[in-house]
């Protein structure tokens, strides 16, 4: 098994072709730890951990499986505990994240015996995106126990390149703004977000604004 991973590491540049490094972590075993704080009070709202479990060839690109864990400020797990999710990285380096499947994984923790159906279009992060670009919209519909949860992401704009410093270090980033609407039983939320993405890592900062464009929370990478 160890020999297989050595061979895969040698083949990785070829799988990505001549594309730039994707805006996602491809290092198996890496753990990215984030903290989200309230903009007004500075109090901790939650923590997020992404653990990269496998990175393997899939078609002309690759599939990255990871464990996603949200915790309350006191350390207690949220939404039933860790969820297993995945993204696809195309041959050109574009990251495709399926919103519906991610939400489906969370619901599977909460309702392990329920039938859960998801559909929709993935969120794309092109490796070659540049300031001024407009990115494709994304949406998902997840049905669980007869309830439908809809997420729509629109107005996705690449704003600028910026160097940002977090407790995890200093990163050269591309900044993306997007508008999100979440609808479903118990959820009626409209937000705008600005996210700083670093190559080979993913997001290192994420600011969320309410429907009146007032800053609500800031999430930063603390260590990886």
Protein backbone atom coordinates (compact mmCIF):
# COMPACT_ATOMS: atom_id res chain seq x y z
CA UNK A 1 0.00 0.00 0.00
CA UNK A 2 2.81 2.40 0.84
CA UNK A 3 4.39 1.65 -2.56
CA UNK A 4 1.10 2.57 -4.28
CA UNK A 5 1.06 6.01 -2.66
CA UNK A 6 4.67 6.65 -3.74
CA UNK A 7 3.76 5.78 -7.33
CA UNK A 8 0.65 7.99 -7.17
CA UNK A 9 2.68 10.94 -5.88
CA UNK A 10 5.03 10.58 -8.86
CA UNK A 11 2.08 10.46 -11.28
CA UNK A 12 0.20 13.40 -9.73
CA UNK A 13 1.74 16.14 -11.91
CA UNK A 14 0.81 14.15 -15.01
CA UNK A 15 -2.77 13.70 -13.84
CA UNK A 16 -3.10 17.46 -13.49
CA UNK A 17 -1.51 18.06 -16.88
CA UNK A 18 -0.03 21.54 -17.20
CA UNK A 19 -2.72 23.09 -15.00
CA UNK A 20 -1.96 25.25 -12.00
CA UNK A 21 -2.22 23.76 -8.51
CA UNK A 22 -5.90 23.54 -7.48
CA UNK A 23 -7.49 25.57 -4.72
CA UNK A 24 -7.84 22.51 -2.48
CA UNK A 25 -5.60 20.40 -0.27
CA UNK A 26 -4.31 17.23 -1.93
CA UNK A 27 -2.03 16.10 0.91
CA UNK A 28 -3.31 12.82 2.37
CA UNK A 29 -3.43 12.92 6.17
CA UNK A 30 -3.48 16.72 6.38
CA UNK A 31 -5.83 18.32 8.92
CA UNK A 32 -7.04 21.85 8.39
CA UNK A 33 -8.44 23.45 11.53
CA UNK A 34 -10.57 26.63 11.43
CA UNK A 35 -12.24 28.86 14.01
CA UNK A 36 -15.31 30.99 13.29
CA UNK A 37 -15.93 34.05 15.47
CA UNK A 38 -18.76 36.54 15.84
CA UNK A 39 -17.85 39.85 14.19
CA UNK A 40 -19.45 42.01 16.89
CA UNK A 41 -18.27 40.25 20.05
CA UNK A 42 -15.24 38.29 18.87
CA UNK A 43 -16.64 35.21 20.62
CA UNK A 44 -16.02 31.75 19.18
CA UNK A 45 -19.04 30.47 17.26
CA UNK A 46 -17.74 27.06 16.13
CA UNK A 47 -14.69 25.16 14.91
CA UNK A 48 -14.28 23.24 11.67
CA UNK A 49 -11.83 20.46 10.85
CA UNK A 50 -11.14 19.01 7.39
CA UNK A 51 -9.07 15.80 7.38
CA UNK A 52 -7.86 14.62 3.98
CA UNK A 53 -8.37 10.85 3.97
CA UNK A 54 -7.64 9.69 0.40
CA UNK A 55 -6.44 11.22 -2.85
CA UNK A 56 -6.85 8.82 -5.77
CA UNK A 57 -7.10 8.88 -9.59
CA UNK A 58 -10.63 8.98 -10.99
CA UNK A 59 -11.07 9.17 -14.74
CA UNK A 60 -8.84 11.91 -16.13
CA UNK A 61 -8.71 13.69 -12.77
CA UNK A 62 -8.81 12.68 -9.15
CA UNK A 63 -11.15 12.25 -6.21
CA UNK A 64 -10.40 13.60 -2.75
CA UNK A 65 -12.25 12.06 0.21
CA UNK A 66 -12.19 13.98 3.48
CA UNK A 67 -13.78 13.99 6.92
CA UNK A 68 -15.63 17.16 7.84
CA UNK A 69 -16.27 17.93 11.52
CA UNK A 70 -18.09 20.89 13.09
CA UNK A 71 -17.87 21.53 16.82
CA UNK A 72 -19.53 23.92 19.24
CA UNK A 73 -17.36 26.34 21.26
CA UNK A 74 -17.32 23.80 24.12
CA UNK A 75 -15.95 21.09 21.81
CA UNK A 76 -19.18 19.11 21.48
CA UNK A 77 -19.80 17.79 17.93
CA UNK A 78 -22.55 19.34 15.83
CA UNK A 79 -24.98 17.62 13.44
CA UNK A 80 -24.27 14.10 14.61
CA UNK A 81 -20.48 14.24 14.44
CA UNK A 82 -17.96 13.82 11.59
CA UNK A 83 -19.23 13.45 8.03
CA UNK A 84 -17.42 11.83 5.10
CA UNK A 85 -17.44 14.00 1.97
CA UNK A 86 -15.59 14.21 -1.33
CA UNK A 87 -14.62 16.58 -4.11
CA UNK A 88 -13.44 15.97 -7.65
CA UNK A 89 -10.43 17.73 -9.14
CA UNK A 90 -10.51 17.81 -12.95
CA UNK A 91 -7.48 17.23 -15.13
CA UNK A 92 -7.23 21.00 -15.57
CA UNK A 93 -7.21 21.59 -11.80
CA UNK A 94 -10.82 22.78 -11.40
CA UNK A 95 -12.31 21.76 -8.04
CA UNK A 96 -15.92 20.51 -8.16
CA UNK A 97 -17.73 20.45 -4.83
CA UNK A 98 -21.25 18.99 -4.79
CA UNK A 99 -23.34 21.01 -2.32
CA UNK A 100 -26.13 18.45 -2.28
CA UNK A 101 -23.89 15.48 -1.53
CA UNK A 102 -22.16 17.44 1.25
CA UNK A 103 -25.50 18.22 2.89
CA UNK A 104 -26.61 14.64 2.29
CA UNK A 105 -23.60 13.38 4.26
CA UNK A 106 -24.59 15.59 7.21
CA UNK A 107 -28.21 14.42 7.12
CA UNK A 108 -27.02 10.80 6.95
CA UNK A 109 -25.39 11.35 10.36
CA UNK A 110 -28.55 12.84 11.81
CA UNK A 111 -31.01 10.38 10.21
CA UNK A 112 -29.00 7.18 9.56
CA UNK A 113 -31.99 5.09 8.47
CA UNK A 114 -33.70 7.67 6.28
CA UNK A 115 -33.75 7.73 2.50
CA UNK A 116 -31.93 10.87 1.38
CA UNK A 117 -31.91 12.14 -2.20
CA UNK A 118 -29.78 14.99 -3.52
CA UNK A 119 -29.50 16.70 -6.89
CA UNK A 120 -28.09 19.86 -8.37
CA UNK A 121 -25.02 21.49 -9.90
CA UNK A 122 -21.61 21.57 -8.20
CA UNK A 123 -19.69 24.62 -7.05
CA UNK A 124 -16.70 25.15 -9.34
CA UNK A 125 -13.33 26.65 -8.39
CA UNK A 126 -11.28 26.86 -11.60
CA UNK A 127 -7.52 26.64 -11.15
CA UNK A 128 -7.10 29.45 -13.66
CA UNK A 129 -9.65 31.93 -12.25
CA UNK A 130 -8.54 35.55 -12.19
CA UNK A 131 -9.91 38.91 -10.98
CA UNK A 132 -12.93 39.99 -13.00
CA UNK A 133 -14.11 36.45 -13.77
CA UNK A 134 -17.72 35.42 -13.18
CA UNK A 135 -18.04 31.84 -11.91
CA UNK A 136 -21.01 29.52 -12.62
CA UNK A 137 -23.99 29.46 -10.26
CA UNK A 138 -24.54 26.37 -8.13
CA UNK A 139 -27.62 24.86 -6.56
CA UNK A 140 -28.80 21.79 -4.72
CA UNK A 141 -32.01 20.20 -3.49
CA UNK A 142 -31.83 17.60 -0.73
CA UNK A 143 -34.91 15.62 0.28
CA UNK A 144 -34.97 13.83 3.64
CA UNK A 145 -38.02 12.49 5.50
CA UNK A 146 -40.23 14.25 2.95
CA UNK A 147 -38.60 17.63 3.64
CA UNK A 148 -36.79 19.60 0.93
CA UNK A 149 -33.76 21.78 1.61
CA UNK A 150 -32.65 24.10 -1.18
CA UNK A 151 -29.34 25.93 -1.49
CA UNK A 152 -28.65 28.39 -4.31
CA UNK A 153 -25.33 30.15 -4.85
CA UNK A 154 -25.30 33.03 -7.35
CA UNK A 155 -23.43 36.26 -8.21
CA UNK A 156 -20.09 34.49 -7.93
CA UNK A 157 -17.37 37.01 -8.72
CA UNK A 158 -13.58 36.78 -8.52
CA UNK A 159 -12.68 40.08 -6.87
CA UNK A 160 -8.91 40.34 -6.52
CA UNK A 161 -5.64 38.75 -5.54
CA UNK A 162 -4.59 39.46 -1.97
CA UNK A 163 -2.02 38.32 0.55
CA UNK A 164 -3.68 37.47 3.85
CA UNK A 165 -2.21 36.43 7.20
CA UNK A 166 -3.95 34.03 9.59
CA UNK A 167 -2.63 32.16 12.65
CA UNK A 168 -1.63 29.37 10.23
CA UNK A 169 0.66 31.63 8.17
CA UNK A 170 0.70 34.12 5.29
CA UNK A 171 -0.94 33.10 2.02
CA UNK A 172 -1.22 34.46 -1.52
CA UNK A 173 -4.93 34.19 -2.29
CA UNK A 174 -7.66 34.77 -4.81
CA UNK A 175 -10.80 36.33 -3.28
CA UNK A 176 -14.27 35.19 -4.37
CA UNK A 177 -17.60 36.81 -3.46
CA UNK A 178 -20.91 34.93 -3.73
CA UNK A 179 -24.55 35.23 -2.71
CA UNK A 180 -26.23 32.27 -0.98
CA UNK A 181 -29.85 31.46 -0.24
CA UNK A 182 -30.79 28.52 1.99
CA UNK A 183 -34.42 27.43 2.28
CA UNK A 184 -36.10 24.56 4.07
CA UNK A 185 -37.89 23.58 7.29
CA UNK A 186 -36.22 25.62 10.03
CA UNK A 187 -33.91 27.39 7.55
CA UNK A 188 -34.59 30.70 5.80
CA UNK A 189 -31.24 32.38 5.37
CA UNK A 190 -29.74 34.84 2.89
CA UNK A 191 -26.04 35.69 3.08
CA UNK A 192 -23.15 37.07 1.09
CA UNK A 193 -19.64 35.73 1.60
CA UNK A 194 -16.11 36.67 0.67
CA UNK A 195 -13.65 33.78 0.70
CA UNK A 196 -9.85 33.80 0.41
CA UNK A 197 -8.52 30.70 -1.41
CA UNK A 198 -4.87 29.58 -1.44
CA UNK A 199 -3.45 27.06 -3.89
CA UNK A 200 -2.86 23.60 -2.47
CA UNK A 201 -4.87 24.41 0.66
CA UNK A 202 -8.37 25.69 -0.08
CA UNK A 203 -9.95 28.53 1.85
CA UNK A 204 -7.92 30.25 4.57
CA UNK A 205 -10.47 32.94 5.45
CA UNK A 206 -14.23 33.18 5.04
CA UNK A 207 -16.27 36.30 5.92
CA UNK A 208 -20.07 36.04 6.03
CA UNK A 209 -22.40 39.04 5.72
CA UNK A 210 -26.12 39.14 6.47
CA UNK A 211 -28.78 40.20 3.94
CA UNK A 212 -28.05 43.86 4.78
CA UNK A 213 -24.33 43.29 4.09
CA UNK A 214 -23.32 43.65 7.72
CA UNK A 215 -20.39 41.43 8.67
CA UNK A 216 -21.66 38.52 10.78
CA UNK A 217 -18.74 36.13 11.21
CA UNK A 218 -15.13 35.59 10.22
CA UNK A 219 -13.60 32.13 9.89
CA UNK A 220 -9.82 31.69 9.59
CA UNK A 221 -7.39 28.80 9.21
CA UNK A 222 -5.65 28.31 12.54
CA UNK A 223 -3.38 25.39 11.63
CA UNK A 224 -2.81 22.75 8.98
